[in-house]
Amino acid sequence: MDSRRLPKSGQASVISIASHLLIEFLLDNVATQNIATITTSTGRYDITRALDMWWDQNKDYSYDNNSCAPRKACQYYTQMAWAKTTNIGCAYA
């Protein structure tokens, strides 16, 4: 995917997911998404809450066998830490 199209594509996906209350994963080997649902009473969003939540999955990841602990999720952590990740963008709705 052309990296110039990522901002519009990402924002459109976030708006679509939020408006339909759906959690979807776009796994097309070109662009992947980490999605978080965070509620706020103030109407202010702090992206670091989502980033921290995803990064905290590292405690369940084993580098000895390159896998996640049974019944745990590590895919958001590995997406952030992946050596081939070159671009990161954020959007909210």
PDB file of N, CA and C in Angstrom:
ATOM      1  N   MET A   1       0.845  -1.170   0.000  1.00  0.00           N
ATOM      2  CA  MET A   1       0.000   0.000   0.000  1.00  0.00           C
ATOM      3  C   MET A   1       0.893   1.236   0.000  1.00  0.00           C
ATOM      4  N   ASP A   2       0.544   2.197  -0.811  1.00  0.00           N
ATOM      5  CA  ASP A   2       1.268   3.461  -0.883  1.00  0.00           C
ATOM      6  C   ASP A   2       1.140   4.175   0.460  1.00  0.00           C
ATOM      7  N   SER A   3       2.275   4.487   1.093  1.00  0.00           N
ATOM      8  CA  SER A   3       2.243   5.090   2.432  1.00  0.00           C
ATOM      9  C   SER A   3       1.553   6.445   2.442  1.00  0.00           C
ATOM     10  N   ARG A   4       1.426   7.095   1.298  1.00  0.00           N
ATOM     11  CA  ARG A   4       0.706   8.381   1.252  1.00  0.00           C
ATOM     12  C   ARG A   4      -0.790   8.182   1.423  1.00  0.00           C
ATOM     13  N   ARG A   5      -1.288   6.973   1.151  1.00  0.00           N
ATOM     14  CA  ARG A   5      -2.714   6.686   1.296  1.00  0.00           C
ATOM     15  C   ARG A   5      -3.067   6.203   2.693  1.00  0.00           C
ATOM     16  N   LEU A   6      -2.081   5.834   3.495  1.00  0.00           N
ATOM     17  CA  LEU A   6      -2.349   5.274   4.824  1.00  0.00           C
ATOM     18  C   LEU A   6      -3.135   6.205   5.734  1.00  0.00           C
ATOM     19  N   PRO A   7      -2.803   7.502   5.835  1.00  0.00           N
ATOM     20  CA  PRO A   7      -3.572   8.348   6.758  1.00  0.00           C
ATOM     21  C   PRO A   7      -5.063   8.365   6.461  1.00  0.00           C
ATOM     22  N   LYS A   8      -5.454   8.547   5.205  1.00  0.00           N
ATOM     23  CA  LYS A   8      -6.879   8.571   4.860  1.00  0.00           C
ATOM     24  C   LYS A   8      -7.512   7.205   5.053  1.00  0.00           C
ATOM     25  N   SER A   9      -6.814   6.155   4.670  1.00  0.00           N
ATOM     26  CA  SER A   9      -7.325   4.802   4.821  1.00  0.00           C
ATOM     27  C   SER A   9      -7.514   4.448   6.294  1.00  0.00           C
ATOM     28  N   GLY A  10      -6.541   4.793   7.119  1.00  0.00           N
ATOM     29  CA  GLY A  10      -6.626   4.507   8.551  1.00  0.00           C
ATOM     30  C   GLY A  10      -7.752   5.255   9.220  1.00  0.00           C
ATOM     31  N   GLN A  11      -7.890   6.544   8.928  1.00  0.00           N
ATOM     32  CA  GLN A  11      -8.958   7.344   9.526  1.00  0.00           C
ATOM     33  C   GLN A  11     -10.316   6.830   9.069  1.00  0.00           C
ATOM     34  N   ALA A  12     -10.456   6.484   7.798  1.00  0.00           N
ATOM     35  CA  ALA A  12     -11.727   5.962   7.298  1.00  0.00           C
ATOM     36  C   ALA A  12     -12.089   4.654   7.998  1.00  0.00           C
ATOM     37  N   SER A  13     -11.111   3.787   8.213  1.00  0.00           N
ATOM     38  CA  SER A  13     -11.368   2.525   8.911  1.00  0.00           C
ATOM     39  C   SER A  13     -11.824   2.760  10.340  1.00  0.00           C
ATOM     40  N   VAL A  14     -11.172   3.673  11.032  1.00  0.00           N
ATOM     41  CA  VAL A  14     -11.528   3.967  12.420  1.00  0.00           C
ATOM     42  C   VAL A  14     -12.945   4.510  12.503  1.00  0.00           C
ATOM     43  N   ILE A  15     -13.300   5.422  11.624  1.00  0.00           N
ATOM     44  CA  ILE A  15     -14.653   5.990  11.632  1.00  0.00           C
ATOM     45  C   ILE A  15     -15.680   4.910  11.331  1.00  0.00           C
ATOM     46  N   SER A  16     -15.404   4.047  10.360  1.00  0.00           N
ATOM     47  CA  SER A  16     -16.327   2.966  10.020  1.00  0.00           C
ATOM     48  C   SER A  16     -16.521   2.009  11.187  1.00  0.00           C
ATOM     49  N   ILE A  17     -15.437   1.607  11.815  1.00  0.00           N
ATOM     50  CA  ILE A  17     -15.517   0.688  12.950  1.00  0.00           C
ATOM     51  C   ILE A  17     -16.289   1.321  14.099  1.00  0.00           C
ATOM     52  N   ALA A  18     -15.973   2.567  14.418  1.00  0.00           N
ATOM     53  CA  ALA A  18     -16.648   3.243  15.530  1.00  0.00           C
ATOM     54  C   ALA A  18     -18.131   3.430  15.246  1.00  0.00           C
ATOM     55  N   SER A  19     -18.486   3.784  14.021  1.00  0.00           N
ATOM     56  CA  SER A  19     -19.888   4.043  13.711  1.00  0.00           C
ATOM     57  C   SER A  19     -20.721   2.770  13.673  1.00  0.00           C
ATOM     58  N   HIS A  20     -20.098   1.638  13.411  1.00  0.00           N
ATOM     59  CA  HIS A  20     -20.820   0.373  13.372  1.00  0.00           C
ATOM     60  C   HIS A  20     -20.579  -0.486  14.610  1.00  0.00           C
ATOM     61  N   LEU A  21     -19.788   0.034  15.540  1.00  0.00           N
ATOM     62  CA  LEU A  21     -19.451  -0.693  16.759  1.00  0.00           C
ATOM     63  C   LEU A  21     -18.904  -2.086  16.450  1.00  0.00           C
ATOM     64  N   LEU A  22     -18.043  -2.151  15.448  1.00  0.00           N
ATOM     65  CA  LEU A  22     -17.428  -3.412  15.045  1.00  0.00           C
ATOM     66  C   LEU A  22     -15.940  -3.369  15.315  1.00  0.00           C
ATOM     67  N   ILE A  23     -15.385  -4.502  15.667  1.00  0.00           N
ATOM     68  CA  ILE A  23     -13.938  -4.645  15.762  1.00  0.00           C
ATOM     69  C   ILE A  23     -13.525  -5.522  14.587  1.00  0.00           C
ATOM     70  N   GLU A  24     -12.725  -4.954  13.700  1.00  0.00           N
ATOM     71  CA  GLU A  24     -12.277  -5.682  12.522  1.00  0.00           C
ATOM     72  C   GLU A  24     -10.762  -5.663  12.462  1.00  0.00           C
ATOM     73  N   PHE A  25     -10.205  -6.653  11.860  1.00  0.00           N
ATOM     74  CA  PHE A  25      -8.770  -6.692  11.637  1.00  0.00           C
ATOM     75  C   PHE A  25      -8.525  -6.764  10.145  1.00  0.00           C
ATOM     76  N   LEU A  26      -7.707  -5.868   9.651  1.00  0.00           N
ATOM     77  CA  LEU A  26      -7.345  -5.836   8.248  1.00  0.00           C
ATOM     78  C   LEU A  26      -5.968  -6.467   8.112  1.00  0.00           C
ATOM     79  N   LEU A  27      -5.948  -7.719   7.707  1.00  0.00           N
ATOM     80  CA  LEU A  27      -4.688  -8.450   7.609  1.00  0.00           C
ATOM     81  C   LEU A  27      -4.431  -8.788   6.149  1.00  0.00           C
ATOM     82  N   ASP A  28      -3.885  -7.837   5.428  1.00  0.00           N
ATOM     83  CA  ASP A  28      -3.656  -8.049   4.004  1.00  0.00           C
ATOM     84  C   ASP A  28      -2.172  -8.115   3.665  1.00  0.00           C
ATOM     85  N   ASN A  29      -1.322  -8.328   4.664  1.00  0.00           N
ATOM     86  CA  ASN A  29       0.126  -8.408   4.494  1.00  0.00           C
ATOM     87  C   ASN A  29       0.750  -7.109   4.012  1.00  0.00           C
ATOM     88  N   VAL A  30      -0.015  -6.056   3.894  1.00  0.00           N
ATOM     89  CA  VAL A  30       0.520  -4.755   3.510  1.00  0.00           C
ATOM     90  C   VAL A  30       0.358  -3.786   4.666  1.00  0.00           C
ATOM     91  N   ALA A  31      -0.847  -3.675   5.174  1.00  0.00           N
ATOM     92  CA  ALA A  31      -1.117  -2.785   6.303  1.00  0.00           C
ATOM     93  C   ALA A  31      -1.914  -3.561   7.334  1.00  0.00           C
ATOM     94  N   THR A  32      -1.523  -3.469   8.581  1.00  0.00           N
ATOM     95  CA  THR A  32      -2.272  -4.113   9.653  1.00  0.00           C
ATOM     96  C   THR A  32      -2.730  -3.051  10.633  1.00  0.00           C
ATOM     97  N   GLN A  33      -3.693  -3.412  11.451  1.00  0.00           N
ATOM     98  CA  GLN A  33      -4.261  -2.465  12.394  1.00  0.00           C
ATOM     99  C   GLN A  33      -4.215  -3.017  13.802  1.00  0.00           C
ATOM    100  N   ASN A  34      -3.859  -2.180  14.729  1.00  0.00           N
ATOM    101  CA  ASN A  34      -4.045  -2.448  16.148  1.00  0.00           C
ATOM    102  C   ASN A  34      -5.223  -1.583  16.556  1.00  0.00           C
ATOM    103  N   ILE A  35      -6.241  -2.196  17.119  1.00  0.00           N
ATOM    104  CA  ILE A  35      -7.459  -1.472  17.458  1.00  0.00           C
ATOM    105  C   ILE A  35      -7.684  -1.558  18.957  1.00  0.00           C
ATOM    106  N   ALA A  36      -8.048  -0.434  19.542  1.00  0.00           N
ATOM    107  CA  ALA A  36      -8.347  -0.397  20.974  1.00  0.00           C
ATOM    108  C   ALA A  36      -9.643   0.366  21.188  1.00  0.00           C
ATOM    109  N   THR A  37     -10.392  -0.054  22.176  1.00  0.00           N
ATOM    110  CA  THR A  37     -11.577   0.678  22.594  1.00  0.00           C
ATOM    111  C   THR A  37     -11.294   1.228  23.977  1.00  0.00           C
ATOM    112  N   ILE A  38     -11.292   2.535  24.072  1.00  0.00           N
ATOM    113  CA  ILE A  38     -11.027   3.207  25.343  1.00  0.00           C
ATOM    114  C   ILE A  38     -12.139   4.217  25.567  1.00  0.00           C
ATOM    115  N   THR A  39     -12.757   4.148  26.723  1.00  0.00           N
ATOM    116  CA  THR A  39     -13.805   5.113  27.038  1.00  0.00           C
ATOM    117  C   THR A  39     -13.230   6.229  27.896  1.00  0.00           C
ATOM    118  N   THR A  40     -13.844   7.380  27.777  1.00  0.00           N
ATOM    119  CA  THR A  40     -13.392   8.529  28.551  1.00  0.00           C
ATOM    120  C   THR A  40     -14.592   9.356  28.974  1.00  0.00           C
ATOM    121  N   SER A  41     -14.575   9.856  30.166  1.00  0.00           N
ATOM    122  CA  SER A  41     -15.666  10.709  30.641  1.00  0.00           C
ATOM    123  C   SER A  41     -15.404  12.172  30.312  1.00  0.00           C
ATOM    124  N   THR A  42     -14.175  12.488  29.936  1.00  0.00           N
ATOM    125  CA  THR A  42     -13.816  13.881  29.664  1.00  0.00           C
ATOM    126  C   THR A  42     -13.912  14.246  28.190  1.00  0.00           C
ATOM    127  N   GLY A  43     -14.002  13.244  27.310  1.00  0.00           N
ATOM    128  CA  GLY A  43     -14.010  13.525  25.882  1.00  0.00           C
ATOM    129  C   GLY A  43     -12.621  13.742  25.313  1.00  0.00           C
ATOM    130  N   ARG A  44     -11.604  13.615  26.146  1.00  0.00           N
ATOM    131  CA  ARG A  44     -10.216  13.760  25.699  1.00  0.00           C
ATOM    132  C   ARG A  44      -9.600  12.373  25.588  1.00  0.00           C
ATOM    133  N   TYR A  45      -8.891  12.160  24.509  1.00  0.00           N
ATOM    134  CA  TYR A  45      -8.283  10.865  24.257  1.00  0.00           C
ATOM    135  C   TYR A  45      -6.779  10.954  24.431  1.00  0.00           C
ATOM    136  N   ASP A  46      -6.216   9.951  25.053  1.00  0.00           N
ATOM    137  CA  ASP A  46      -4.778   9.879  25.262  1.00  0.00           C
ATOM    138  C   ASP A  46      -4.283   8.601  24.591  1.00  0.00           C
ATOM    139  N   ILE A  47      -3.660   8.759  23.434  1.00  0.00           N
ATOM    140  CA  ILE A  47      -3.224   7.610  22.648  1.00  0.00           C
ATOM    141  C   ILE A  47      -2.226   6.747  23.411  1.00  0.00           C
ATOM    142  N   THR A  48      -1.527   7.326  24.373  1.00  0.00           N
ATOM    143  CA  THR A  48      -0.544   6.533  25.116  1.00  0.00           C
ATOM    144  C   THR A  48      -1.208   5.411  25.913  1.00  0.00           C
ATOM    145  N   ARG A  49      -2.476   5.567  26.268  1.00  0.00           N
ATOM    146  CA  ARG A  49      -3.180   4.480  26.961  1.00  0.00           C
ATOM    147  C   ARG A  49      -3.261   3.247  26.073  1.00  0.00           C
ATOM    148  N   ALA A  50      -3.594   3.436  24.811  1.00  0.00           N
ATOM    149  CA  ALA A  50      -3.664   2.306  23.878  1.00  0.00           C
ATOM    150  C   ALA A  50      -2.273   1.741  23.623  1.00  0.00           C
ATOM    151  N   LEU A  51      -1.305   2.609  23.398  1.00  0.00           N
ATOM    152  CA  LEU A  51       0.060   2.149  23.151  1.00  0.00           C
ATOM    153  C   LEU A  51       0.595   1.351  24.328  1.00  0.00           C
ATOM    154  N   ASP A  52       0.367   1.829  25.536  1.00  0.00           N
ATOM    155  CA  ASP A  52       0.813   1.110  26.737  1.00  0.00           C
ATOM    156  C   ASP A  52       0.129  -0.250  26.857  1.00  0.00           C
ATOM    157  N   MET A  53      -1.170  -0.287  26.547  1.00  0.00           N
ATOM    158  CA  MET A  53      -1.926  -1.534  26.631  1.00  0.00           C
ATOM    159  C   MET A  53      -1.350  -2.561  25.652  1.00  0.00           C
ATOM    160  N   TRP A  54      -1.063  -2.136  24.435  1.00  0.00           N
ATOM    161  CA  TRP A  54      -0.497  -3.053  23.445  1.00  0.00           C
ATOM    162  C   TRP A  54       0.913  -3.477  23.835  1.00  0.00           C
ATOM    163  N   TRP A  55       1.737  -2.520  24.255  1.00  0.00           N
ATOM    164  CA  TRP A  55       3.130  -2.841  24.591  1.00  0.00           C
ATOM    165  C   TRP A  55       3.213  -3.775  25.792  1.00  0.00           C
ATOM    166  N   ASP A  56       2.270  -3.670  26.716  1.00  0.00           N
ATOM    167  CA  ASP A  56       2.267  -4.529  27.905  1.00  0.00           C
ATOM    168  C   ASP A  56       2.103  -6.009  27.567  1.00  0.00           C
ATOM    169  N   GLN A  57       1.688  -6.319  26.343  1.00  0.00           N
ATOM    170  CA  GLN A  57       1.586  -7.719  25.941  1.00  0.00           C
ATOM    171  C   GLN A  57       2.958  -8.387  25.898  1.00  0.00           C
ATOM    172  N   ASN A  58       4.033  -7.609  25.936  1.00  0.00           N
ATOM    173  CA  ASN A  58       5.384  -8.182  25.884  1.00  0.00           C
ATOM    174  C   ASN A  58       5.644  -9.134  27.045  1.00  0.00           C
ATOM    175  N   LYS A  59       4.962  -8.948  28.162  1.00  0.00           N
ATOM    176  CA  LYS A  59       5.194  -9.823  29.317  1.00  0.00           C
ATOM    177  C   LYS A  59       4.741 -11.253  29.040  1.00  0.00           C
ATOM    178  N   ASP A  60       3.872 -11.435  28.037  1.00  0.00           N
ATOM    179  CA  ASP A  60       3.378 -12.766  27.690  1.00  0.00           C
ATOM    180  C   ASP A  60       4.099 -13.360  26.482  1.00  0.00           C
ATOM    181  N   TYR A  61       5.104 -12.652  25.959  1.00  0.00           N
ATOM    182  CA  TYR A  61       5.820 -13.117  24.769  1.00  0.00           C
ATOM    183  C   TYR A  61       7.141 -13.757  25.159  1.00  0.00           C
ATOM    184  N   SER A  62       7.429 -14.908  24.561  1.00  0.00           N
ATOM    185  CA  SER A  62       8.682 -15.615  24.819  1.00  0.00           C
ATOM    186  C   SER A  62       9.590 -15.505  23.602  1.00  0.00           C
ATOM    187  N   TYR A  63      10.747 -14.901  23.796  1.00  0.00           N
ATOM    188  CA  TYR A  63      11.727 -14.826  22.712  1.00  0.00           C
ATOM    189  C   TYR A  63      12.460 -16.152  22.542  1.00  0.00           C
ATOM    190  N   ASP A  64      12.421 -16.996  23.556  1.00  0.00           N
ATOM    191  CA  ASP A  64      13.077 -18.303  23.460  1.00  0.00           C
ATOM    192  C   ASP A  64      12.460 -19.164  22.362  1.00  0.00           C
ATOM    193  N   ASN A  65      11.127 -19.106  22.248  1.00  0.00           N
ATOM    194  CA  ASN A  65      10.464 -19.902  21.208  1.00  0.00           C
ATOM    195  C   ASN A  65       9.615 -19.049  20.263  1.00  0.00           C
ATOM    196  N   ASN A  66       9.776 -17.733  20.331  1.00  0.00           N
ATOM    197  CA  ASN A  66       9.052 -16.805  19.449  1.00  0.00           C
ATOM    198  C   ASN A  66       7.553 -17.069  19.432  1.00  0.00           C
ATOM    199  N   SER A  67       6.972 -17.136  20.613  1.00  0.00           N
ATOM    200  CA  SER A  67       5.534 -17.374  20.694  1.00  0.00           C
ATOM    201  C   SER A  67       4.961 -16.695  21.929  1.00  0.00           C
ATOM    202  N   CYS A  68       3.655 -16.658  21.932  1.00  0.00           N
ATOM    203  CA  CYS A  68       2.923 -16.050  23.033  1.00  0.00           C
ATOM    204  C   CYS A  68       2.503 -17.140  24.020  1.00  0.00           C
ATOM    205  N   ALA A  69       2.368 -16.765  25.268  1.00  0.00           N
ATOM    206  CA  ALA A  69       1.904 -17.712  26.285  1.00  0.00           C
ATOM    207  C   ALA A  69       0.510 -18.223  25.907  1.00  0.00           C
ATOM    208  N   PRO A  70       0.181 -19.458  26.274  1.00  0.00           N
ATOM    209  CA  PRO A  70      -1.141 -20.005  25.956  1.00  0.00           C
ATOM    210  C   PRO A  70      -2.272 -19.102  26.458  1.00  0.00           C
ATOM    211  N   ARG A  71      -3.272 -18.946  25.624  1.00  0.00           N
ATOM    212  CA  ARG A  71      -4.475 -18.164  25.925  1.00  0.00           C
ATOM    213  C   ARG A  71      -4.181 -16.688  26.219  1.00  0.00           C
ATOM    214  N   LYS A  72      -3.093 -16.181  25.683  1.00  0.00           N
ATOM    215  CA  LYS A  72      -2.738 -14.765  25.818  1.00  0.00           C
ATOM    216  C   LYS A  72      -2.644 -14.154  24.428  1.00  0.00           C
ATOM    217  N   ALA A  73      -2.745 -12.849  24.362  1.00  0.00           N
ATOM    218  CA  ALA A  73      -2.640 -12.129  23.089  1.00  0.00           C
ATOM    219  C   ALA A  73      -1.320 -11.372  23.049  1.00  0.00           C
ATOM    220  N   CYS A  74      -0.607 -11.504  21.961  1.00  0.00           N
ATOM    221  CA  CYS A  74       0.667 -10.792  21.788  1.00  0.00           C
ATOM    222  C   CYS A  74       0.756 -10.083  20.439  1.00  0.00           C
ATOM    223  N   GLN A  75      -0.268 -10.218  19.598  1.00  0.00           N
ATOM    224  CA  GLN A  75      -0.159  -9.709  18.239  1.00  0.00           C
ATOM    225  C   GLN A  75       0.001  -8.191  18.176  1.00  0.00           C
ATOM    226  N   TYR A  76      -0.556  -7.459  19.109  1.00  0.00           N
ATOM    227  CA  TYR A  76      -0.400  -5.999  19.070  1.00  0.00           C
ATOM    228  C   TYR A  76       1.023  -5.611  19.469  1.00  0.00           C
ATOM    229  N   TYR A  77       1.557  -6.299  20.459  1.00  0.00           N
ATOM    230  CA  TYR A  77       2.948  -6.054  20.856  1.00  0.00           C
ATOM    231  C   TYR A  77       3.896  -6.372  19.711  1.00  0.00           C
ATOM    232  N   THR A  78       3.737  -7.547  19.105  1.00  0.00           N
ATOM    233  CA  THR A  78       4.668  -7.930  18.048  1.00  0.00           C
ATOM    234  C   THR A  78       4.563  -7.001  16.848  1.00  0.00           C
ATOM    235  N   GLN A  79       3.376  -6.480  16.570  1.00  0.00           N
ATOM    236  CA  GLN A  79       3.243  -5.523  15.465  1.00  0.00           C
ATOM    237  C   GLN A  79       4.043  -4.257  15.763  1.00  0.00           C
ATOM    238  N   MET A  80       4.026  -3.814  17.003  1.00  0.00           N
ATOM    239  CA  MET A  80       4.785  -2.612  17.375  1.00  0.00           C
ATOM    240  C   MET A  80       6.286  -2.872  17.360  1.00  0.00           C
ATOM    241  N   ALA A  81       6.706  -4.064  17.762  1.00  0.00           N
ATOM    242  CA  ALA A  81       8.129  -4.369  17.904  1.00  0.00           C
ATOM    243  C   ALA A  81       8.741  -4.984  16.647  1.00  0.00           C
ATOM    244  N   TRP A  82       7.928  -5.325  15.680  1.00  0.00           N
ATOM    245  CA  TRP A  82       8.377  -6.015  14.479  1.00  0.00           C
ATOM    246  C   TRP A  82       9.457  -5.222  13.762  1.00  0.00           C
ATOM    247  N   ALA A  83      10.541  -5.870  13.405  1.00  0.00           N
ATOM    248  CA  ALA A  83      11.680  -5.197  12.762  1.00  0.00           C
ATOM    249  C   ALA A  83      11.312  -4.571  11.421  1.00  0.00           C
ATOM    250  N   LYS A  84      10.351  -5.148  10.718  1.00  0.00           N
ATOM    251  CA  LYS A  84       9.996  -4.633   9.397  1.00  0.00           C
ATOM    252  C   LYS A  84       8.940  -3.534   9.442  1.00  0.00           C
ATOM    253  N   THR A  85       8.455  -3.182  10.614  1.00  0.00           N
ATOM    254  CA  THR A  85       7.511  -2.074  10.721  1.00  0.00           C
ATOM    255  C   THR A  85       8.253  -0.789  10.411  1.00  0.00           C
ATOM    256  N   THR A  86       7.752  -0.052   9.422  1.00  0.00           N
ATOM    257  CA  THR A  86       8.429   1.176   8.998  1.00  0.00           C
ATOM    258  C   THR A  86       7.598   2.430   9.203  1.00  0.00           C
ATOM    259  N   ASN A  87       6.281   2.302   9.234  1.00  0.00           N
ATOM    260  CA  ASN A  87       5.404   3.463   9.397  1.00  0.00           C
ATOM    261  C   ASN A  87       4.343   3.153  10.435  1.00  0.00           C
ATOM    262  N   ILE A  88       4.054   4.128  11.258  1.00  0.00           N
ATOM    263  CA  ILE A  88       3.009   3.987  12.264  1.00  0.00           C
ATOM    264  C   ILE A  88       2.153   5.242  12.207  1.00  0.00           C
ATOM    265  N   GLY A  89       0.844   5.068  12.247  1.00  0.00           N
ATOM    266  CA  GLY A  89      -0.070   6.202  12.262  1.00  0.00           C
ATOM    267  C   GLY A  89      -1.151   5.963  13.292  1.00  0.00           C
ATOM    268  N   CYS A  90      -1.813   7.010  13.706  1.00  0.00           N
ATOM    269  CA  CYS A  90      -2.875   6.908  14.710  1.00  0.00           C
ATOM    270  C   CYS A  90      -4.105   7.654  14.220  1.00  0.00           C
ATOM    271  N   ALA A  91      -5.265   7.120  14.571  1.00  0.00           N
ATOM    272  CA  ALA A  91      -6.532   7.772  14.249  1.00  0.00           C
ATOM    273  C   ALA A  91      -7.505   7.454  15.371  1.00  0.00           C
ATOM    274  N   TYR A  92      -8.513   8.275  15.530  1.00  0.00           N
ATOM    275  CA  TYR A  92      -9.527   8.014  16.549  1.00  0.00           C
ATOM    276  C   TYR A  92     -10.874   8.502  16.062  1.00  0.00           C
ATOM    277  N   ALA A  93     -11.930   7.960  16.666  1.00  0.00           N
ATOM    278  CA  ALA A  93     -13.292   8.376  16.331  1.00  0.00           C
ATOM    279  C   ALA A  93     -14.126   8.329  17.586  1.00  0.00           C
TER     280      ALA A  93
END
